[in-house]
Every structure is written in structure tokens, then in C-alpha cells.
Amino acid sequence: MNSISSENKKKIQKVIHDKVFRVVSECGEELGKPVFVIGGYVRDVILGRPSKDIDFVIAGSGIALAELVAKKLKATKVSFFKTYGTAMIHHKGFDLEFVGARKESYKRESRNPIVEDGTLEDDQKRRDFTINAMAISLNKDNYATLIDPFGGIDHLEEGIIKTPLDPDITFSDDPLRMMRAVRFASQLNFNIDPEVFKALKVNKERIKIITQERITDEMNKIILSNHPSIGFKSLFSSGILHIIFPEMADLQGIENKNGKTHKDNFYHTLEVLENILPNTNDLWLRWAAIMHDIAKPPTKRFHPKTGWTFHGHEDKGARMVPIIFKRMKLPLDHKMKFVQKMVQLHLRPIALTKEIVTDSALRRLLFDADQDLDPLMKLCRADITSKNETKVKKYLERFSEVEIKIKKVEERDRIRNWQPPVSGEVIIKTFNLKPCKYIGDIKDAIKEAILDGEIENNYDAAYNFMLIKGKELGLIAETN
């Protein structure tokens, strides 16, 4: 048992006298069984992090404890999972989970444990990491006492991820814990203990028995963490990334030919991801940062005069997005299309900072980006990762200039959320047409004329242009 500082005692005392804990304590006493708060909630109390999930463990039936607690709290949202011997109560914005203390054993080919009733000690031994194995007693004789057999509180202070038991056994039994180790390191900005990291490498192939949905869920949590680059570096160094996301692992490396090199696109990608963090908590924009250069390996070419090129990587990358999303069981709806659009367009604003900016180019960017222009600009700003501060400053100043010009063009031409000023119905009626390709041709011609600045974005200008275009196509306008 580790000593606990007075500061951490105060943190525990501050929350442990809440009504919920007192009620659970009373119910445990009525059932004649010891009860405890355990796991992530205890960790977060000590770290000072907010948490809405509270896990209770009893040396008996978790369902019996939940039933009694629900009655005393007059809770109406109660879920029972009798197969697993667990229950959940939703109470005043908190999720209270109840489980009987248990011990587990595993078969080699499955991560599903063989579960038996156990003691608190058994339950703590089966936990993934020492920082998640701490418990607080809710029993009369030692109420609010921290029970920490594996030094979790010391590891919190040291900022280190360790396992209660041999990490080889921990990860072999449940390989998802390898992803969780990386995730907690990313969320808490902790280091993974060297022996634990060694076990990640040794057991990396075991990740293949985990369902894709669970792997992706952990990856999304890493991406949404405060330090996702820590996670991806660990996944890469351990070899796990090569298994679960080979396209990202393939970005790593610098090739030298005839004295010409290119940057390491893996570490560049992590820089872009870190750069975008302060500006967005949106999972899908962070995914776009990860995917923006995903097609550089397959599009890499060497030319003796110009050196390394990655021509068309934005188009190829956009085509890769749905393939990767489908394999990873990520959504294939508007979220995927958003990431795809960001990958497709990520070079466009950067190109505008390198040349004389025409209104036509700005209108086309507005049209293509539509309502996603703001996140696209965030991605492009994050994509400036040069070590040359003067160069970075210059690029960012040019971005600001481009954004000012975009705003002016938008105020004048109203291209965002663009709707054709002349509808297909008007074209059909004017030229007495049945549905045919001419309608689409005329609408496209009107759109191009507006984007090129040949005509203004209004009905009269578009209608007159339609008449001219119809005449070129040999169509005769109906006269009133």
C-alpha cells in the first residue's frame, strides 16, 4: 500500500462525501458486502480531471447492489446486463456502473475472458494499468481510504503507464490493452514504461484478433486526445501502426537520390496534426490532417532536374479516403465526404499564396469548398511546417491576404452555398425541351461564366447568357 499525500487525500475527501457514494456505502452495508469506487474515476479525481463515469465494485452481486442503489436514489434510468453480471444507472448526468469483483483467465485465441467471482484484490489484478487499478473504500471501517497495491498513485505523479502484472501477459490476454496504453499516454501526456513498450512490440501481432470497430474506437480517442502525435509515434515504433494503418506507416522515411531528398511525410503529418489541435476539436478535420498527404508514397517520383515530386497526391488521396474508411469501419456518410473534400482541396489555398491571385481562382475555390472553406483554411495553415520561421511567417501573411480577398469576392459574388440563378425548369420552358443533355450543358456554361467573371451572379445576366448559349447550340427560344 502506497502513502498518499495530504493534497490527494483532500481531493478524495472533496468528492467522496457526495450523496451517491454515501448511498452506495449504505447499500453495501445492507447487503453485508464490501464496496469500493474503482478505476478511471479514482484516477481522474487525483488528476483533477472531470469525469462523469463512476465504477463501483462489490464483493458480491453488482446487479443486487445496483437494484438497491436505484431504489434509494429513486433513479428511473437503470440498465441491467445479466449475462455479464453488471448494471448501469444514469443519475443526474453521471453514469454509475456496478459490477461484482471478479478474476479472469483467457484462452490464446480470444480476448473474451473466463470470469469467476473474486475479491477486490483479484479485481485490481485484472485491471489494464496501475493508474486504473486504484480503489477507494466505501466501507464504514475505512471509508475514503485509497487502496493502491500496485503503486498507481506514484505512477500518476511520475507520468508513466505500467501494468499491474507482467505486461506480456496483460497484452497477450487482451490485446486491445495495447491500444489503450497508447491512448492513455496520448490523453495524459505520459510515457509508456520501457518494459511495457517492449511488450507492445512483442505482442503486436495479437492486435489482429481484435475487431476493427474496437481498434478504430481507440484510434479516434487518440486522435481526439491532447497529444495524438505521442500516440502515433508509439504505434509506429511498436509496429502496431503497420498492422492497423499501413498507409500511414508508409509515409515514414527520407529517400536520397543524387543528393536530393524529400521530407519525412510521417513526421510532417504529425506536425500538421499538432498544428491544427488548437483550432479544432472536430474529429473529422483532425482525420483530414492525418490523411492530407496519405497518397504521397504511391505518387512519389524522381526527376533528375526537379528532384522528388508527388504530383496528383491530392486526387489519389481523395480516392483512397473511402477505401480506408470502409476498412476501418469509419462512417461512409457526409463525414467521409468531408475528409475526402479536405484531402482533394488541401493544395488549392496554398497554391494561391504562391501566385497572383485572380478573382476567378478565388470564386472557384469558394465554389468547390462551399461551406467547408473555413476548416479547409485551418488545415492549410496547419500544413505550413517549415523550420524556417521567416518562410512560415511569409506564408501565413499571404494566407491572411488571400482570406481578405476571398471575403471581398464572396460579399460581391455570393458564390458560397451557390445555387444556379437560372433553373433547369426555366431552360426547359424557354427552349421547349424535354429532359436532355442540353439542359446540363447550359447550366454548366452559366456556372463557368459566373466563376470566370464573364457575367454577374444574378438572374438577368444568367438568363441573357442562356439565350446566347442556346442559340450557339441551335436551340430556338420560345417568345412570349
Protein backbone atom coordinates (compact mmCIF):
# COMPACT_ATOMS: atom_id res chain seq x y z
CA MET A 1 0.00 0.00 0.00
CA ASN A 2 1.48 3.35 -1.03
CA SER A 3 1.44 6.50 1.07
CA ILE A 4 -0.84 9.27 -0.15
CA SER A 5 -0.12 12.98 0.09
CA SER A 6 -2.35 15.32 2.07
CA GLU A 7 -3.25 17.10 -1.17
CA ASN A 8 -4.53 13.88 -2.76
CA LYS A 9 -6.39 13.00 0.44
CA LYS A 10 -8.18 16.35 0.18
CA LYS A 11 -9.13 15.63 -3.45
CA ILE A 12 -10.67 12.31 -2.41
CA GLN A 13 -12.43 13.78 0.62
CA LYS A 14 -13.91 16.53 -1.56
CA VAL A 15 -15.87 14.11 -3.75
CA ILE A 16 -16.33 11.00 -1.65
CA HIS A 17 -18.90 12.54 0.70
CA ASP A 18 -21.32 13.18 -2.15
CA LYS A 19 -24.75 11.62 -1.61
CA VAL A 20 -24.20 8.96 -4.31
CA PHE A 21 -21.17 7.50 -2.52
CA ARG A 22 -22.94 7.55 0.84
CA VAL A 23 -25.93 5.72 -0.64
CA VAL A 24 -23.71 3.05 -2.25
CA SER A 25 -21.92 2.65 1.08
CA GLU A 26 -25.22 2.15 2.92
CA CYS A 27 -26.42 -0.37 0.32
CA GLY A 28 -23.19 -2.36 0.61
CA GLU A 29 -23.65 -2.49 4.36
CA GLU A 30 -27.26 -3.68 3.97
CA LEU A 31 -26.05 -6.44 1.64
CA GLY A 32 -23.25 -7.31 4.04
CA LYS A 33 -20.61 -6.95 1.31
CA PRO A 34 -17.63 -4.58 0.97
CA VAL A 35 -17.98 -1.95 -1.79
CA PHE A 36 -15.47 0.32 -3.50
CA VAL A 37 -15.11 3.02 -6.15
CA ILE A 38 -12.54 1.78 -8.65
CA GLY A 39 -10.78 2.55 -11.90
CA GLY A 40 -10.84 5.66 -14.05
CA TYR A 41 -12.90 7.80 -11.71
CA VAL A 42 -10.34 7.39 -8.93
CA ARG A 43 -7.54 8.23 -11.37
CA ASP A 44 -9.34 11.35 -12.58
CA VAL A 45 -10.15 12.58 -9.06
CA ILE A 46 -6.43 12.51 -8.23
CA LEU A 47 -5.51 14.14 -11.55
CA GLY A 48 -8.19 16.78 -11.09
CA ARG A 49 -9.89 15.81 -14.35
CA PRO A 50 -13.70 15.94 -14.70
CA SER A 51 -15.36 12.55 -15.04
CA LYS A 52 -18.97 11.51 -15.46
CA ASP A 53 -18.36 7.73 -15.30
CA ILE A 54 -18.15 6.13 -11.86
CA ASP A 55 -17.43 2.41 -11.47
CA PHE A 56 -18.39 0.59 -8.28
CA VAL A 57 -17.23 -2.91 -7.41
CA ILE A 58 -18.72 -5.15 -4.73
CA ALA A 59 -17.51 -8.47 -3.38
CA GLY A 60 -20.88 -9.91 -4.38
CA SER A 61 -23.60 -9.20 -6.94
CA GLY A 62 -23.25 -5.97 -8.89
CA ILE A 63 -26.86 -6.27 -10.04
CA ALA A 64 -28.18 -6.65 -6.46
CA LEU A 65 -26.19 -3.56 -5.43
CA ALA A 66 -27.50 -1.56 -8.41
CA GLU A 67 -31.11 -2.51 -7.69
CA LEU A 68 -30.82 -1.31 -4.11
CA VAL A 69 -28.99 1.90 -5.06
CA ALA A 70 -31.55 2.70 -7.77
CA LYS A 71 -34.36 2.33 -5.27
CA LYS A 72 -32.72 4.67 -2.74
CA LEU A 73 -31.78 7.27 -5.37
CA LYS A 74 -35.22 6.94 -6.98
CA ALA A 75 -33.44 6.51 -10.30
CA THR A 76 -35.58 5.65 -13.32
CA LYS A 77 -32.87 5.08 -15.95
CA VAL A 78 -31.46 1.69 -14.99
CA SER A 79 -29.98 -0.92 -17.35
CA PHE A 80 -29.18 -4.49 -16.34
CA PHE A 81 -26.76 -6.75 -18.20
CA LYS A 82 -27.38 -10.08 -16.52
CA THR A 83 -25.14 -12.01 -18.91
CA TYR A 84 -22.18 -10.01 -17.62
CA GLY A 85 -23.45 -9.51 -14.08
CA THR A 86 -23.32 -5.71 -14.43
CA ALA A 87 -25.75 -2.81 -14.24
CA MET A 88 -25.79 0.88 -15.15
CA ILE A 89 -27.68 3.76 -13.55
CA HIS A 90 -27.96 7.15 -15.25
CA HIS A 91 -28.31 9.68 -12.45
CA LYS A 92 -28.03 13.49 -12.64
CA GLY A 93 -25.66 13.44 -15.60
CA PHE A 94 -23.49 10.61 -14.23
CA ASP A 95 -23.20 7.01 -15.43
CA LEU A 96 -22.91 4.74 -12.40
CA GLU A 97 -21.72 1.23 -13.27
CA PHE A 98 -21.93 -1.67 -10.84
CA VAL A 99 -20.03 -4.94 -11.11
CA GLY A 100 -19.17 -7.83 -8.86
CA ALA A 101 -15.47 -8.28 -8.06
CA ARG A 102 -14.08 -10.94 -10.36
CA LYS A 103 -10.99 -12.68 -11.56
CA GLU A 104 -10.36 -13.54 -15.20
CA SER A 105 -8.47 -16.02 -17.30
CA TYR A 106 -8.04 -16.10 -21.08
CA LYS A 107 -7.68 -18.53 -23.95
CA ARG A 108 -4.98 -17.79 -26.50
CA GLU A 109 -7.32 -17.34 -29.46
CA SER A 110 -9.79 -14.97 -27.80
CA ARG A 111 -9.85 -11.75 -25.81
CA ASN A 112 -13.11 -12.80 -24.13
CA PRO A 113 -12.24 -13.80 -20.55
CA ILE A 114 -13.41 -16.74 -18.46
CA VAL A 115 -14.87 -14.90 -15.47
CA GLU A 116 -15.16 -16.13 -11.88
CA ASP A 117 -16.23 -14.42 -8.68
CA GLY A 118 -13.30 -12.87 -6.87
CA THR A 119 -12.10 -10.41 -4.28
CA LEU A 120 -11.14 -6.75 -4.63
CA GLU A 121 -7.52 -7.90 -4.94
CA ASP A 122 -8.47 -10.22 -7.82
CA ASP A 123 -10.35 -7.37 -9.48
CA GLN A 124 -7.43 -4.98 -9.18
CA LYS A 125 -5.02 -7.55 -10.63
CA ARG A 126 -7.15 -7.92 -13.78
CA ARG A 127 -7.11 -4.16 -14.49
CA ASP A 128 -5.16 -2.92 -17.51
CA PHE A 129 -2.86 -0.34 -15.87
CA THR A 130 -1.77 0.57 -12.37
CA ILE A 131 -3.30 4.04 -12.68
CA ASN A 132 -6.67 2.35 -13.38
CA ALA A 133 -6.35 -0.24 -10.59
CA MET A 134 -6.72 2.11 -7.64
CA ALA A 135 -9.82 1.83 -5.45
CA ILE A 136 -11.40 3.92 -2.70
CA SER A 137 -13.16 2.11 0.13
CA LEU A 138 -16.81 2.95 0.82
CA ASN A 139 -16.92 0.75 3.91
CA LYS A 140 -17.53 2.05 7.43
CA ASP A 141 -14.26 0.86 8.97
CA ASN A 142 -12.00 2.59 6.40
CA TYR A 143 -14.27 4.96 4.42
CA ALA A 144 -12.41 7.11 1.83
CA THR A 145 -9.18 5.09 2.17
CA LEU A 146 -7.20 4.69 -1.06
CA ILE A 147 -6.34 1.07 -1.84
CA ASP A 148 -3.40 1.07 -4.24
CA PRO A 149 -1.47 -2.24 -4.26
CA PHE A 150 0.45 -1.56 -7.49
CA GLY A 151 1.72 1.98 -6.94
CA GLY A 152 -0.74 3.67 -9.27
CA ILE A 153 -0.58 6.97 -7.41
CA ASP A 154 3.21 7.05 -7.75
CA HIS A 155 2.89 6.32 -11.48
CA LEU A 156 0.41 9.18 -11.83
CA GLU A 157 2.94 11.53 -10.28
CA GLU A 158 5.75 10.11 -12.44
CA GLY A 159 3.60 10.29 -15.59
CA ILE A 160 4.15 6.66 -16.57
CA ILE A 161 1.98 3.83 -17.94
CA LYS A 162 2.64 0.49 -16.22
CA THR A 163 0.64 -2.73 -15.90
CA PRO A 164 -0.29 -4.37 -12.55
CA LEU A 165 1.07 -7.73 -13.70
CA ASP A 166 3.56 -8.89 -16.35
CA PRO A 167 2.80 -6.71 -19.43
CA ASP A 168 3.36 -9.68 -21.76
CA ILE A 169 0.50 -11.50 -20.03
CA THR A 170 -1.62 -8.36 -19.83
CA PHE A 171 -1.37 -7.66 -23.57
CA SER A 172 -1.49 -11.26 -24.73
CA ASP A 173 -4.67 -11.84 -22.71
CA ASP A 174 -6.39 -8.74 -24.07
CA PRO A 175 -4.51 -7.13 -26.99
CA LEU A 176 -6.87 -4.14 -27.03
CA ARG A 177 -4.97 -3.00 -23.94
CA MET A 178 -2.04 -2.20 -26.23
CA MET A 179 -4.18 0.45 -27.93
CA ARG A 180 -5.38 1.64 -24.54
CA ALA A 181 -1.79 2.06 -23.30
CA VAL A 182 -1.06 4.31 -26.26
CA ARG A 183 -4.34 6.15 -25.82
CA PHE A 184 -3.73 6.94 -22.13
CA ALA A 185 -0.20 8.11 -22.95
CA SER A 186 -1.72 10.48 -25.55
CA GLN A 187 -4.51 11.73 -23.32
CA LEU A 188 -2.38 12.26 -20.22
CA ASN A 189 0.93 13.13 -21.89
CA PHE A 190 2.52 10.16 -20.07
CA ASN A 191 5.43 7.92 -21.03
CA ILE A 192 4.97 4.20 -21.55
CA ASP A 193 7.23 2.21 -19.22
CA PRO A 194 10.14 0.60 -21.19
CA GLU A 195 9.11 -2.94 -20.20
CA VAL A 196 5.53 -2.21 -21.17
CA PHE A 197 6.67 -0.78 -24.52
CA LYS A 198 8.79 -3.85 -25.13
CA ALA A 199 5.66 -5.97 -24.58
CA LEU A 200 3.83 -3.85 -27.17
CA LYS A 201 6.44 -4.82 -29.75
CA VAL A 202 6.45 -8.50 -28.75
CA ASN A 203 2.65 -8.81 -28.83
CA LYS A 204 1.83 -6.51 -31.76
CA GLU A 205 0.54 -9.34 -33.97
CA ARG A 206 -2.06 -10.17 -31.31
CA ILE A 207 -3.89 -6.97 -32.28
CA LYS A 208 -5.25 -8.91 -35.27
CA ILE A 209 -7.73 -10.79 -33.05
CA ILE A 210 -9.40 -7.51 -32.03
CA THR A 211 -12.43 -6.35 -34.01
CA GLN A 212 -11.88 -3.37 -36.28
CA GLU A 213 -14.61 -1.40 -34.50
CA ARG A 214 -12.73 -1.56 -31.18
CA ILE A 215 -9.40 -0.65 -32.78
CA THR A 216 -10.97 2.31 -34.57
CA ASP A 217 -12.70 3.49 -31.40
CA GLU A 218 -9.35 3.63 -29.60
CA MET A 219 -7.70 5.31 -32.58
CA ASN A 220 -10.38 8.00 -32.60
CA LYS A 221 -9.76 8.63 -28.90
CA ILE A 222 -6.04 9.00 -29.64
CA ILE A 223 -6.82 11.47 -32.43
CA LEU A 224 -9.08 13.47 -30.11
CA SER A 225 -6.52 13.49 -27.30
CA ASN A 226 -4.35 16.45 -26.31
CA HIS A 227 -1.19 14.80 -27.68
CA PRO A 228 -2.11 12.50 -30.61
CA SER A 229 1.42 12.59 -32.04
CA ILE A 230 2.65 10.80 -28.89
CA GLY A 231 0.19 8.03 -29.68
CA PHE A 232 1.06 7.70 -33.35
CA LYS A 233 4.79 7.70 -32.64
CA SER A 234 4.26 4.87 -30.14
CA LEU A 235 2.06 2.95 -32.58
CA PHE A 236 4.72 3.35 -35.27
CA SER A 237 7.71 2.46 -33.09
CA SER A 238 5.96 -0.61 -31.70
CA GLY A 239 4.99 -1.85 -35.18
CA ILE A 240 1.27 -1.76 -34.40
CA LEU A 241 0.62 1.07 -36.87
CA HIS A 242 2.00 -1.04 -39.72
CA ILE A 243 -0.75 -3.57 -38.98
CA ILE A 244 -3.74 -1.31 -38.29
CA PHE A 245 -2.97 1.65 -40.58
CA PRO A 246 -0.24 0.64 -43.08
CA GLU A 247 -0.85 3.63 -45.35
CA MET A 248 0.13 5.99 -42.55
CA ALA A 249 3.19 3.90 -41.61
CA ASP A 250 4.27 4.02 -45.27
CA LEU A 251 4.61 7.81 -45.02
CA GLN A 252 7.73 7.40 -42.86
CA GLY A 253 11.18 7.70 -44.35
CA ILE A 254 13.50 10.00 -46.28
CA GLU A 255 14.99 8.94 -49.60
CA ASN A 256 18.18 10.48 -51.01
CA LYS A 257 18.94 10.33 -54.71
CA ASN A 258 21.68 12.31 -56.48
CA GLY A 259 21.92 14.49 -53.38
CA LYS A 260 18.21 15.36 -53.49
CA THR A 261 15.97 14.38 -50.56
CA HIS A 262 12.35 14.85 -49.57
CA LYS A 263 10.91 15.46 -46.11
CA ASP A 264 9.70 12.63 -43.89
CA ASN A 265 5.97 12.73 -44.57
CA PHE A 266 5.07 10.71 -41.47
CA TYR A 267 6.59 13.27 -39.10
CA HIS A 268 5.31 16.11 -41.29
CA THR A 269 1.79 14.66 -40.93
CA LEU A 270 2.17 14.55 -37.14
CA GLU A 271 3.30 18.20 -37.18
CA VAL A 272 0.22 19.15 -39.21
CA LEU A 273 -1.97 17.25 -36.75
CA GLU A 274 -0.36 19.01 -33.77
CA ASN A 275 -0.63 22.40 -35.53
CA ILE A 276 -4.36 22.02 -36.06
CA LEU A 277 -5.17 20.95 -32.47
CA PRO A 278 -5.54 24.46 -31.00
CA ASN A 279 -8.01 25.38 -33.74
CA THR A 280 -10.36 22.41 -33.75
CA ASN A 281 -11.80 19.63 -31.63
CA ASP A 282 -13.53 18.21 -34.69
CA LEU A 283 -12.58 14.56 -35.16
CA TRP A 284 -13.05 14.66 -38.93
CA LEU A 285 -10.89 17.73 -39.51
CA ARG A 286 -8.19 16.00 -37.46
CA TRP A 287 -8.65 12.92 -39.66
CA ALA A 288 -8.22 15.21 -42.68
CA ALA A 289 -4.90 16.39 -41.23
CA ILE A 290 -3.81 12.75 -40.95
CA MET A 291 -4.97 11.87 -44.46
CA HIS A 292 -3.99 15.01 -46.40
CA ASP A 293 -0.71 13.51 -47.71
CA ILE A 294 -1.70 9.84 -47.46
CA ALA A 295 -1.09 9.26 -51.19
CA LYS A 296 2.44 10.64 -51.29
CA PRO A 297 4.11 7.19 -51.19
CA PRO A 298 2.27 5.81 -54.25
CA THR A 299 2.70 9.07 -56.20
CA LYS A 300 6.38 9.64 -55.40
CA ARG A 301 8.58 10.05 -58.47
CA PHE A 302 12.18 11.20 -59.00
CA HIS A 303 13.23 13.51 -61.83
CA PRO A 304 16.93 14.30 -62.27
CA LYS A 305 16.28 18.02 -62.83
CA THR A 306 13.45 18.74 -60.41
CA GLY A 307 14.07 16.09 -57.76
CA TRP A 308 11.24 14.36 -55.89
CA THR A 309 7.63 15.04 -56.86
CA PHE A 310 4.25 13.85 -55.60
CA HIS A 311 2.08 15.03 -58.47
CA GLY A 312 -1.59 14.22 -58.10
CA HIS A 313 -1.31 13.04 -54.50
CA GLU A 314 -4.38 15.12 -53.60
CA ASP A 315 -6.51 13.31 -56.24
CA LYS A 316 -5.13 9.89 -55.40
CA GLY A 317 -5.53 10.63 -51.69
CA ALA A 318 -9.17 11.62 -52.15
CA ARG A 319 -9.78 8.26 -53.89
CA MET A 320 -8.04 6.43 -51.03
CA VAL A 321 -10.21 8.01 -48.31
CA PRO A 322 -13.37 5.89 -48.84
CA ILE A 323 -11.27 2.72 -49.16
CA ILE A 324 -9.51 3.37 -45.85
CA PHE A 325 -12.72 4.50 -44.13
CA LYS A 326 -14.53 1.35 -45.25
CA ARG A 327 -11.74 -0.92 -43.99
CA MET A 328 -11.56 0.90 -40.68
CA LYS A 329 -15.34 0.80 -40.22
CA LEU A 330 -15.47 4.58 -40.14
CA PRO A 331 -18.68 6.27 -41.34
CA LEU A 332 -19.15 6.42 -45.10
CA ASP A 333 -21.58 9.34 -44.96
CA HIS A 334 -21.04 13.12 -45.04
CA LYS A 335 -18.16 12.78 -42.55
CA MET A 336 -16.16 10.69 -45.01
CA LYS A 337 -17.07 13.06 -47.84
CA PHE A 338 -15.85 16.00 -45.74
CA VAL A 339 -12.45 14.33 -45.20
CA GLN A 340 -12.32 13.45 -48.88
CA LYS A 341 -13.02 17.07 -49.84
CA MET A 342 -10.32 18.37 -47.49
CA VAL A 343 -7.76 15.96 -48.98
CA GLN A 344 -8.81 16.88 -52.52
CA LEU A 345 -8.59 20.63 -51.96
CA HIS A 346 -5.74 21.00 -49.46
CA LEU A 347 -3.25 22.28 -52.08
CA ARG A 348 -5.56 24.90 -53.57
CA PRO A 349 -5.26 27.69 -50.94
CA ILE A 350 -1.52 27.05 -50.69
CA ALA A 351 -1.20 27.49 -54.47
CA LEU A 352 -2.98 30.84 -54.17
CA THR A 353 -0.25 32.12 -51.84
CA LYS A 354 2.40 31.47 -54.49
CA GLU A 355 0.90 33.30 -57.45
CA ILE A 356 -1.02 36.37 -58.46
CA VAL A 357 -4.49 35.75 -57.13
CA THR A 358 -7.28 36.22 -59.66
CA ASP A 359 -10.92 36.66 -58.72
CA SER A 360 -11.69 33.67 -60.92
CA ALA A 361 -9.39 31.43 -58.85
CA LEU A 362 -10.99 32.71 -55.64
CA ARG A 363 -14.51 32.12 -56.98
CA ARG A 364 -13.61 28.57 -57.97
CA LEU A 365 -12.17 27.87 -54.53
CA LEU A 366 -15.31 29.30 -52.93
CA PHE A 367 -17.49 27.18 -55.20
CA ASP A 368 -15.57 23.94 -54.63
CA ALA A 369 -15.07 24.38 -50.86
CA ASP A 370 -18.56 25.81 -50.31
CA GLN A 371 -19.47 25.64 -46.60
CA ASP A 372 -16.20 23.88 -45.76
CA LEU A 373 -13.88 26.76 -46.68
CA ASP A 374 -13.15 27.70 -43.05
CA PRO A 375 -11.96 24.21 -41.99
CA LEU A 376 -10.01 23.96 -45.27
CA MET A 377 -8.14 27.16 -44.42
CA LYS A 378 -7.40 25.82 -40.92
CA LEU A 379 -5.94 22.67 -42.48
CA CYS A 380 -3.84 24.67 -44.93
CA ARG A 381 -2.44 26.90 -42.20
CA ALA A 382 -1.53 23.80 -40.19
CA ASP A 383 0.20 22.37 -43.27
CA ILE A 384 2.93 25.03 -43.06
CA THR A 385 5.60 23.11 -41.14
CA SER A 386 8.84 24.63 -42.40
CA LYS A 387 11.64 25.06 -39.85
CA ASN A 388 12.35 28.41 -41.50
CA GLU A 389 10.41 30.89 -39.34
CA THR A 390 10.69 33.66 -41.95
CA LYS A 391 9.18 31.35 -44.58
CA VAL A 392 6.35 30.33 -42.25
CA LYS A 393 5.60 33.95 -41.39
CA LYS A 394 5.51 34.87 -45.07
CA TYR A 395 3.12 32.02 -45.90
CA LEU A 396 0.77 32.90 -43.05
CA GLU A 397 0.75 36.57 -44.08
CA ARG A 398 -0.14 35.53 -47.62
CA PHE A 399 -2.91 33.29 -46.26
CA SER A 400 -4.33 36.30 -44.43
CA GLU A 401 -4.24 38.31 -47.65
CA VAL A 402 -5.99 35.51 -49.54
CA GLU A 403 -8.67 35.27 -46.83
CA ILE A 404 -9.35 39.02 -47.07
CA LYS A 405 -9.70 38.74 -50.85
CA ILE A 406 -11.96 35.69 -50.53
CA LYS A 407 -14.22 37.63 -48.17
CA LYS A 408 -14.49 40.53 -50.64
CA VAL A 409 -15.23 38.24 -53.58
CA GLU A 410 -17.84 36.36 -51.56
CA GLU A 411 -19.58 39.57 -50.46
CA ARG A 412 -19.73 40.68 -54.10
CA ASP A 413 -20.42 37.45 -55.96
CA ARG A 414 -22.18 35.24 -53.35
CA ILE A 415 -20.58 32.01 -54.53
CA ARG A 416 -20.70 30.04 -51.26
CA ASN A 417 -23.73 27.77 -50.99
CA TRP A 418 -24.20 28.57 -54.69
CA GLN A 419 -27.46 27.89 -56.47
CA PRO A 420 -27.83 28.33 -60.26
CA PRO A 421 -29.55 31.68 -60.94
CA VAL A 422 -31.39 30.02 -63.83
CA SER A 423 -33.01 26.70 -63.06
CA GLY A 424 -33.39 23.67 -65.30
CA GLU A 425 -37.14 24.34 -65.42
CA VAL A 426 -36.56 27.78 -66.90
CA ILE A 427 -34.23 26.31 -69.56
CA ILE A 428 -36.80 23.63 -70.47
CA LYS A 429 -39.62 26.16 -70.72
CA THR A 430 -37.58 28.74 -72.68
CA PHE A 431 -36.42 26.28 -75.35
CA ASN A 432 -39.44 23.96 -75.19
CA LEU A 433 -37.18 21.00 -74.35
CA LYS A 434 -37.74 17.56 -72.96
CA PRO A 435 -35.12 16.30 -70.44
CA CYS A 436 -31.84 16.10 -72.39
CA LYS A 437 -28.10 16.84 -72.17
CA TYR A 438 -28.57 20.41 -73.44
CA ILE A 439 -30.04 21.41 -70.08
CA GLY A 440 -26.93 20.29 -68.19
CA ASP A 441 -24.66 21.85 -70.83
CA ILE A 442 -26.34 25.24 -70.47
CA LYS A 443 -26.30 25.12 -66.67
CA ASP A 444 -22.59 24.22 -66.71
CA ALA A 445 -21.87 27.04 -69.17
CA ILE A 446 -23.67 29.55 -66.92
CA LYS A 447 -21.73 28.30 -63.88
CA GLU A 448 -18.39 28.57 -65.71
CA ALA A 449 -19.22 32.07 -66.99
CA ILE A 450 -20.02 33.24 -63.45
CA LEU A 451 -16.89 31.64 -61.99
CA ASP A 452 -14.74 33.15 -64.74
CA GLY A 453 -16.27 36.58 -64.13
CA GLU A 454 -17.80 36.84 -67.64
CA ILE A 455 -21.24 37.52 -66.17
CA GLU A 456 -22.58 38.56 -62.76
CA ASN A 457 -24.20 36.06 -60.43
CA ASN A 458 -27.82 37.13 -60.92
CA TYR A 459 -30.90 36.02 -62.83
CA ASP A 460 -30.93 38.65 -65.58
CA ALA A 461 -27.27 38.17 -66.53
CA ALA A 462 -27.61 34.39 -66.44
CA TYR A 463 -30.85 34.45 -68.45
CA ASN A 464 -29.34 36.55 -71.22
CA PHE A 465 -26.26 34.32 -71.29
CA MET A 466 -28.58 31.28 -71.51
CA LEU A 467 -30.22 32.72 -74.62
CA ILE A 468 -26.83 33.25 -76.28
CA LYS A 469 -25.68 29.75 -75.35
CA GLY A 470 -28.94 28.22 -76.56
CA LYS A 471 -28.51 29.93 -79.90
CA GLU A 472 -24.96 28.53 -80.20
CA LEU A 473 -26.40 25.05 -79.60
CA GLY A 474 -29.03 25.57 -82.31
CA LEU A 475 -31.93 25.90 -79.88
CA ILE A 476 -34.79 28.27 -80.54
CA ALA A 477 -36.16 30.30 -77.65
CA GLU A 478 -39.94 30.50 -77.17
CA THR A 479 -41.16 34.05 -77.47
CA ASN A 480 -43.95 35.45 -75.35
